[in-house]
C-alpha atoms as a PDB file:
ATOM      1  CA  MET A   1      93.940 113.989 131.702  1.00  0.00           C
ATOM      2  CA  ALA A   2      90.783 113.889 133.792  1.00  0.00           C
ATOM      3  CA  VAL A   3      91.121 113.861 137.509  1.00  0.00           C
ATOM      4  CA  ILE A   4      88.483 111.686 139.347  1.00  0.00           C
ATOM      5  CA  HIS A   5      87.433 113.343 142.513  1.00  0.00           C
ATOM      6  CA  HIS A   6      86.180 110.838 145.186  1.00  0.00           C
ATOM      7  CA  THR A   7      83.551 113.180 146.929  1.00  0.00           C
ATOM      8  CA  THR A   8      79.934 113.780 147.468  1.00  0.00           C
ATOM      9  CA  LEU A   9      77.212 114.745 144.927  1.00  0.00           C
ATOM     10  CA  LYS A  10      73.905 116.111 145.781  1.00  0.00           C
ATOM     11  CA  PRO A  11      71.850 114.865 144.327  1.00  0.00           C
ATOM     12  CA  THR A  12      73.689 111.782 143.116  1.00  0.00           C
ATOM     13  CA  LYS A  13      73.911 110.717 139.629  1.00  0.00           C
ATOM     14  CA  LEU A  14      71.470 107.754 140.096  1.00  0.00           C
ATOM     15  CA  GLU A  15      68.948 110.244 141.643  1.00  0.00           C
ATOM     16  CA  LEU A  16      69.292 112.422 138.609  1.00  0.00           C
ATOM     17  CA  LEU A  17      68.746 109.527 136.330  1.00  0.00           C
ATOM     18  CA  THR A  18      65.736 108.109 138.306  1.00  0.00           C
ATOM     19  CA  ALA A  19      63.968 111.344 137.531  1.00  0.00           C
ATOM     20  CA  TRP A  20      65.244 111.657 133.804  1.00  0.00           C
ATOM     21  CA  LEU A  21      65.199 108.161 132.275  1.00  0.00           C
ATOM     22  CA  PRO A  22      61.394 107.799 131.984  1.00  0.00           C
ATOM     23  CA  SER A  23      61.293 110.747 129.649  1.00  0.00           C
ATOM     24  CA  ARG A  24      63.555 109.097 127.113  1.00  0.00           C
ATOM     25  CA  PRO A  25      61.813 107.312 124.061  1.00  0.00           C
ATOM     26  CA  TRP A  26      64.303 104.325 124.399  1.00  0.00           C
ATOM     27  CA  TYR A  27      63.433 103.766 128.139  1.00  0.00           C
ATOM     28  CA  CYS A  28      61.474 100.557 128.566  1.00  0.00           C
ATOM     29  CA  GLY A  29      61.070 100.376 132.298  1.00  0.00           C
ATOM     30  CA  THR A  30      58.528 101.880 134.761  1.00  0.00           C
ATOM     31  CA  GLU A  31      57.912 105.474 135.869  1.00  0.00           C
ATOM     32  CA  GLU A  32      59.836 104.705 138.931  1.00  0.00           C
ATOM     33  CA  PRO A  33      63.161 103.078 137.830  1.00  0.00           C
ATOM     34  CA  GLU A  34      65.261 100.972 140.363  1.00  0.00           C
ATOM     35  CA  LEU A  35      68.745 101.875 139.330  1.00  0.00           C
ATOM     36  CA  ALA A  36      72.180 100.446 140.274  1.00  0.00           C
ATOM     37  CA  LYS A  37      75.649 101.475 138.802  1.00  0.00           C
ATOM     38  CA  ALA A  38      76.765  98.660 136.521  1.00  0.00           C
ATOM     39  CA  GLY A  39      80.002  99.960 134.765  1.00  0.00           C
ATOM     40  CA  GLY A  40      81.143 102.403 132.110  1.00  0.00           C
ATOM     41  CA  PHE A  41      84.114 104.417 131.156  1.00  0.00           C
ATOM     42  CA  ARG A  42      85.324 107.955 130.694  1.00  0.00           C
ATOM     43  CA  LEU A  43      86.905 110.025 128.032  1.00  0.00           C
ATOM     44  CA  ASP A  44      89.400 112.945 128.451  1.00  0.00           C
ATOM     45  CA  ASP A  45      88.470 116.543 127.340  1.00  0.00           C
ATOM     46  CA  PRO A  46      91.975 117.949 126.187  1.00  0.00           C
ATOM     47  CA  GLN A  47      90.790 121.407 127.323  1.00  0.00           C
ATOM     48  CA  GLY A  48      89.982 119.999 130.883  1.00  0.00           C
ATOM     49  CA  GLU A  49      86.653 121.741 130.892  1.00  0.00           C
ATOM     50  CA  VAL A  50      83.989 119.107 130.427  1.00  0.00           C
ATOM     51  CA  GLY A  51      83.746 115.829 132.381  1.00  0.00           C
ATOM     52  CA  ILE A  52      82.810 112.938 129.982  1.00  0.00           C
ATOM     53  CA  GLU A  53      81.460 109.741 131.432  1.00  0.00           C
ATOM     54  CA  PHE A  54      79.744 106.955 129.769  1.00  0.00           C
ATOM     55  CA  MET A  55      77.680 105.200 132.528  1.00  0.00           C
ATOM     56  CA  VAL A  56      76.073 101.931 132.421  1.00  0.00           C
ATOM     57  CA  VAL A  57      73.067 101.522 134.912  1.00  0.00           C
ATOM     58  CA  THR A  58      70.838  98.551 135.407  1.00  0.00           C
ATOM     59  CA  ASP A  59      67.135  99.007 136.008  1.00  0.00           C
ATOM     60  CA  ALA A  60      65.246  96.288 137.953  1.00  0.00           C
ATOM     61  CA  SER A  61      61.808  98.039 137.770  1.00  0.00           C
ATOM     62  CA  GLY A  62      60.419  96.067 134.783  1.00  0.00           C
ATOM     63  CA  PRO A  63      59.651  92.355 134.464  1.00  0.00           C
ATOM     64  CA  ARG A  64      63.424  91.770 133.674  1.00  0.00           C
ATOM     65  CA  PRO A  65      66.422  93.888 134.560  1.00  0.00           C
ATOM     66  CA  VAL A  66      67.612  96.122 131.600  1.00  0.00           C
ATOM     67  CA  ALA A  67      71.037  97.854 131.355  1.00  0.00           C
ATOM     68  CA  TYR A  68      71.223 101.243 129.808  1.00  0.00           C
ATOM     69  CA  LEU A  69      74.127 103.271 128.488  1.00  0.00           C
ATOM     70  CA  VAL A  70      73.905 106.922 129.464  1.00  0.00           C
ATOM     71  CA  PRO A  71      76.649 109.310 128.101  1.00  0.00           C
ATOM     72  CA  LEU A  72      76.895 112.388 130.462  1.00  0.00           C
ATOM     73  CA  ALA A  73      78.732 115.573 130.055  1.00  0.00           C
ATOM     74  CA  TYR A  74      79.408 117.545 133.158  1.00  0.00           C
ATOM     75  CA  ARG A  75      79.983 121.252 133.011  1.00  0.00           C
ATOM     76  CA  GLY A  76      80.614 124.120 135.308  1.00  0.00           C
ATOM     77  CA  ALA A  77      78.267 126.419 133.580  1.00  0.00           C
ATOM     78  CA  PRO A  78      75.187 125.876 131.474  1.00  0.00           C
ATOM     79  CA  LEU A  79      75.664 124.867 127.850  1.00  0.00           C
ATOM     80  CA  GLU A  80      73.883 127.462 125.667  1.00  0.00           C
ATOM     81  CA  GLY A  81      71.140 126.084 123.425  1.00  0.00           C
ATOM     82  CA  ALA A  82      71.112 122.797 125.381  1.00  0.00           C
ATOM     83  CA  GLU A  83      68.267 123.235 127.743  1.00  0.00           C
ATOM     84  CA  HIS A  84      66.438 120.307 126.001  1.00  0.00           C
ATOM     85  CA  ALA A  85      69.370 117.907 126.950  1.00  0.00           C
ATOM     86  CA  LEU A  86      69.708 119.047 130.626  1.00  0.00           C
ATOM     87  CA  VAL A  87      69.661 115.915 132.850  1.00  0.00           C
ATOM     88  CA  GLY A  88      69.901 117.959 135.896  1.00  0.00           C
ATOM     89  CA  THR A  89      72.251 119.890 138.290  1.00  0.00           C
ATOM     90  CA  MET A  90      74.176 118.787 141.156  1.00  0.00           C
ATOM     91  CA  GLU A  91      76.432 120.171 144.042  1.00  0.00           C
ATOM     92  CA  HIS A  92      79.999 118.581 143.662  1.00  0.00           C
ATOM     93  CA  GLY A  93      81.904 118.494 146.869  1.00  0.00           C
ATOM     94  CA  VAL A  94      85.143 119.864 145.233  1.00  0.00           C
ATOM     95  CA  LEU A  95      84.051 121.544 142.015  1.00  0.00           C
ATOM     96  CA  GLY A  96      80.819 123.246 143.008  1.00  0.00           C
ATOM     97  CA  GLN A  97      77.697 123.331 141.099  1.00  0.00           C
ATOM     98  CA  ARG A  98      77.831 121.151 138.006  1.00  0.00           C
ATOM     99  CA  TRP A  99      75.361 120.941 135.051  1.00  0.00           C
ATOM    100  CA  ALA A 100      74.886 117.361 133.733  1.00  0.00           C
ATOM    101  CA  TYR A 101      73.862 117.056 130.024  1.00  0.00           C
ATOM    102  CA  ASP A 102      72.791 114.094 127.784  1.00  0.00           C
ATOM    103  CA  GLY A 103      76.285 113.830 126.207  1.00  0.00           C
ATOM    104  CA  CYS A 104      74.972 113.093 122.789  1.00  0.00           C
ATOM    105  CA  HIS A 105      73.831 116.706 122.583  1.00  0.00           C
ATOM    106  CA  ASP A 106      77.002 118.042 123.900  1.00  0.00           C
ATOM    107  CA  PRO A 107      79.706 118.937 121.122  1.00  0.00           C
ATOM    108  CA  VAL A 108      82.718 118.277 123.439  1.00  0.00           C
ATOM    109  CA  LEU A 109      81.539 114.622 124.204  1.00  0.00           C
ATOM    110  CA  VAL A 110      80.525 113.935 120.691  1.00  0.00           C
ATOM    111  CA  ALA A 111      84.013 115.113 119.355  1.00  0.00           C
ATOM    112  CA  ARG A 112      85.653 112.869 122.011  1.00  0.00           C
ATOM    113  CA  LEU A 113      83.436 109.934 121.035  1.00  0.00           C
ATOM    114  CA  THR A 114      84.353 110.477 117.396  1.00  0.00           C
ATOM    115  CA  ALA A 115      87.966 110.399 118.293  1.00  0.00           C
ATOM    116  CA  LEU A 116      87.496 107.242 120.155  1.00  0.00           C
ATOM    117  CA  VAL A 117      85.688 105.515 117.190  1.00  0.00           C
ATOM    118  CA  GLU A 118      88.578 106.723 114.933  1.00  0.00           C
ATOM    119  CA  GLY A 119      91.164 105.350 117.184  1.00  0.00           C
ATOM    120  CA  ARG A 120      92.473 108.708 118.192  1.00  0.00           C
ATOM    121  CA  ALA A 121      91.309 108.559 121.795  1.00  0.00           C
ATOM    122  CA  GLN A 122      91.522 105.826 124.582  1.00  0.00           C
ATOM    123  CA  ALA A 123      88.716 104.890 126.921  1.00  0.00           C
ATOM    124  CA  GLN A 124      89.607 105.692 130.473  1.00  0.00           C
ATOM    125  CA  ASP A 125      88.791 103.898 133.766  1.00  0.00           C
ATOM    126  CA  GLN A 126      85.510 105.265 135.195  1.00  0.00           C
ATOM    127  CA  ASN A 127      86.883 105.493 138.888  1.00  0.00           C
ATOM    128  CA  VAL A 128      90.842 105.715 138.652  1.00  0.00           C
ATOM    129  CA  SER A 129      92.604 108.664 137.271  1.00  0.00           C
ATOM    130  CA  ASP A 130      95.074 108.114 134.329  1.00  0.00           C
ATOM    131  CA  THR A 131      94.006 104.416 133.902  1.00  0.00           C
ATOM    132  CA  PRO A 132      92.854 102.896 130.643  1.00  0.00           C
ATOM    133  CA  ALA A 133      89.474 100.972 130.703  1.00  0.00           C
ATOM    134  CA  GLU A 134      90.760  97.491 129.789  1.00  0.00           C
ATOM    135  CA  GLU A 135      87.202  96.030 129.178  1.00  0.00           C
ATOM    136  CA  VAL A 136      86.418  98.674 126.437  1.00  0.00           C
ATOM    137  CA  VAL A 137      87.110  97.300 123.046  1.00  0.00           C
ATOM    138  CA  VAL A 138      87.250  99.529 120.005  1.00  0.00           C
ATOM    139  CA  SER A 139      87.333  98.420 116.350  1.00  0.00           C
ATOM    140  CA  PRO A 140      88.449 101.664 114.793  1.00  0.00           C
ATOM    141  CA  ALA A 141      86.627 103.103 111.821  1.00  0.00           C
ATOM    142  CA  VAL A 142      88.099 102.788 108.457  1.00  0.00           C
ATOM    143  CA  GLY A 143      87.934 105.133 105.545  1.00  0.00           C
ATOM    144  CA  GLY A 144      89.259 108.481 106.799  1.00  0.00           C
ATOM    145  CA  PRO A 145      87.923 110.903 109.483  1.00  0.00           C
ATOM    146  CA  LEU A 146      84.283 111.264 110.157  1.00  0.00           C
ATOM    147  CA  ALA A 147      82.463 114.504 109.748  1.00  0.00           C
ATOM    148  CA  THR A 148      81.626 116.201 112.994  1.00  0.00           C
ATOM    149  CA  ASP A 149      78.404 117.948 112.127  1.00  0.00           C
ATOM    150  CA  PHE A 150      76.079 115.223 113.440  1.00  0.00           C
ATOM    151  CA  THR A 151      72.239 115.474 113.650  1.00  0.00           C
ATOM    152  CA  VAL A 152      71.051 113.782 116.951  1.00  0.00           C
ATOM    153  CA  THR A 153      67.841 111.688 116.720  1.00  0.00           C
ATOM    154  CA  ASP A 154      66.552 109.617 119.727  1.00  0.00           C
ATOM    155  CA  ASP A 155      63.989 106.897 119.124  1.00  0.00           C
ATOM    156  CA  ARG A 156      63.013 103.585 120.655  1.00  0.00           C
ATOM    157  CA  GLU A 157      66.191 101.922 119.416  1.00  0.00           C
ATOM    158  CA  GLY A 158      68.572 104.378 120.889  1.00  0.00           C
ATOM    159  CA  THR A 159      70.406 107.501 119.744  1.00  0.00           C
ATOM    160  CA  ALA A 160      71.597 108.096 116.056  1.00  0.00           C
ATOM    161  CA  LEU A 161      74.262 110.493 115.227  1.00  0.00           C
ATOM    162  CA  THR A 162      74.003 111.126 111.521  1.00  0.00           C
ATOM    163  CA  THR A 163      76.122 113.177 109.148  1.00  0.00           C
ATOM    164  CA  PRO A 164      74.958 114.940 106.126  1.00  0.00           C
ATOM    165  CA  GLN A 165      76.895 112.257 104.141  1.00  0.00           C
ATOM    166  CA  GLY A 166      74.870 109.569 105.571  1.00  0.00           C
ATOM    167  CA  THR A 167      77.204 107.945 108.068  1.00  0.00           C
ATOM    168  CA  VAL A 168      75.428 106.900 111.214  1.00  0.00           C
ATOM    169  CA  LEU A 169      76.942 106.478 114.663  1.00  0.00           C
ATOM    170  CA  ARG A 170      74.240 104.608 116.499  1.00  0.00           C
ATOM    171  CA  LEU A 171      74.382 104.409 120.393  1.00  0.00           C
ATOM    172  CA  HIS A 172      72.763 101.472 122.016  1.00  0.00           C
ATOM    173  CA  ARG A 173      70.978 102.845 124.930  1.00  0.00           C
ATOM    174  CA  ALA A 174      69.073  99.668 126.145  1.00  0.00           C
ATOM    175  CA  LEU A 175      71.999  97.295 125.958  1.00  0.00           C
ATOM    176  CA  ARG A 176      71.810  93.811 124.379  1.00  0.00           C
ATOM    177  CA  PRO A 177      74.021  91.375 126.025  1.00  0.00           C
ATOM    178  CA  VAL A 178      75.831  88.887 123.820  1.00  0.00           C
ATOM    179  CA  ALA A 179      75.212  85.367 125.009  1.00  0.00           C
ATOM    180  CA  ASP A 180      78.465  83.645 124.007  1.00  0.00           C
ATOM    181  CA  GLY A 181      81.787  85.118 122.714  1.00  0.00           C
ATOM    182  CA  PRO A 182      82.693  88.702 121.951  1.00  0.00           C
ATOM    183  CA  PHE A 183      80.434  91.083 120.281  1.00  0.00           C
ATOM    184  CA  VAL A 184      80.274  90.576 116.525  1.00  0.00           C
ATOM    185  CA  PRO A 185      79.179  93.710 114.630  1.00  0.00           C
ATOM    186  CA  PRO A 186      76.253  93.691 112.058  1.00  0.00           C
ATOM    187  CA  GLN A 187      76.958  93.498 108.385  1.00  0.00           C
ATOM    188  CA  GLY A 188      77.892  96.869 107.002  1.00  0.00           C
ATOM    189  CA  ALA A 189      79.331  98.254 110.128  1.00  0.00           C
ATOM    190  CA  ILE A 190      82.650  99.953 109.676  1.00  0.00           C
ATOM    191  CA  GLY A 191      83.590 100.542 113.241  1.00  0.00           C
ATOM    192  CA  HIS A 192      82.278  99.928 116.904  1.00  0.00           C
ATOM    193  CA  VAL A 193      82.707 100.388 120.542  1.00  0.00           C
ATOM    194  CA  ALA A 194      81.884  97.405 122.859  1.00  0.00           C
ATOM    195  CA  GLY A 195      82.388  96.656 126.626  1.00  0.00           C
ATOM    196  CA  SER A 196      81.156  94.887 129.591  1.00  0.00           C
ATOM    197  CA  TRP A 197      79.027  95.611 132.803  1.00  0.00           C
ATOM    198  CA  LYS A 198      77.963  94.062 135.963  1.00  0.00           C
ATOM    199  CA  ALA A 199      74.598  92.107 135.590  1.00  0.00           C
ATOM    200  CA  PRO A 200      72.173  92.214 138.693  1.00  0.00           C
ATOM    201  CA  ASP A 201      73.156  88.419 139.480  1.00  0.00           C
ATOM    202  CA  GLY A 202      76.854  89.447 139.711  1.00  0.00           C
ATOM    203  CA  THR A 203      78.019  88.090 136.424  1.00  0.00           C
ATOM    204  CA  ARG A 204      79.688  90.029 133.697  1.00  0.00           C
ATOM    205  CA  ALA A 205      77.651  90.886 130.492  1.00  0.00           C
ATOM    206  CA  GLN A 206      79.113  92.301 127.402  1.00  0.00           C
ATOM    207  CA  GLY A 207      77.725  93.877 124.153  1.00  0.00           C
ATOM    208  CA  ALA A 208      77.971  96.747 121.854  1.00  0.00           C
ATOM    209  CA  PHE A 209      77.953 100.426 123.081  1.00  0.00           C
ATOM    210  CA  ALA A 210      78.090 102.094 119.785  1.00  0.00           C
ATOM    211  CA  VAL A 211      78.231 101.035 116.049  1.00  0.00           C
ATOM    212  CA  LEU A 212      79.268 103.067 113.193  1.00  0.00           C
ATOM    213  CA  ASN A 213      77.452 102.335 109.845  1.00  0.00           C
ATOM    214  CA  GLY A 214      78.744 103.276 106.336  1.00  0.00           C
ATOM    215  CA  GLY A 215      77.836 106.218 104.107  1.00  0.00           C
ATOM    216  CA  GLY A 216      79.815 109.185 103.165  1.00  0.00           C
ATOM    217  CA  ARG A 217      82.850 110.354 105.076  1.00  0.00           C
ATOM    218  CA  ALA A 218      84.369 113.777 105.389  1.00  0.00           C
END
């Protein structure tokens, strides 16, 4: 079980993301994001080594506010071979120096996300230890276990995790709120993760975080 430490971070997560987001192909705001925390969830690392957080932040710098999903993996030492995925480093008031990575390039986060999509893991509250994230809805994948050797591709539409067999787990980075009712997955989807977040006007928005599309399975 991950333990949530309520302590200081220097720089803060929002400060790290303000500098990092404009470099992403799926970011559609300005060079100076105006970010606010809007929601998200955590996943537990069974080994207790890597902090796993799926943050939702809203950006008010453009003509209209946009919510972004940012999976982050927090480590106590650099991840070898992942220099390209480093969001930044921060000083944690309890744990000391932490390296924050774009979690889609961290094998531990990807493995736990796979477990979530398969129904083998439960989303945890972002701010309270040992508490399920009630607003995260998972439609577990069908057809057997997923392969774990994903190829990661970032584009304007988000991030695609693709197996050699052709199964694609696509993370929606610029989130698309559903106007009425719960999220309905597109035709061909075989699993998904959906949730809600706080819109700038104080209302709750909801939509898909990740959608699994068919292809070969492991």
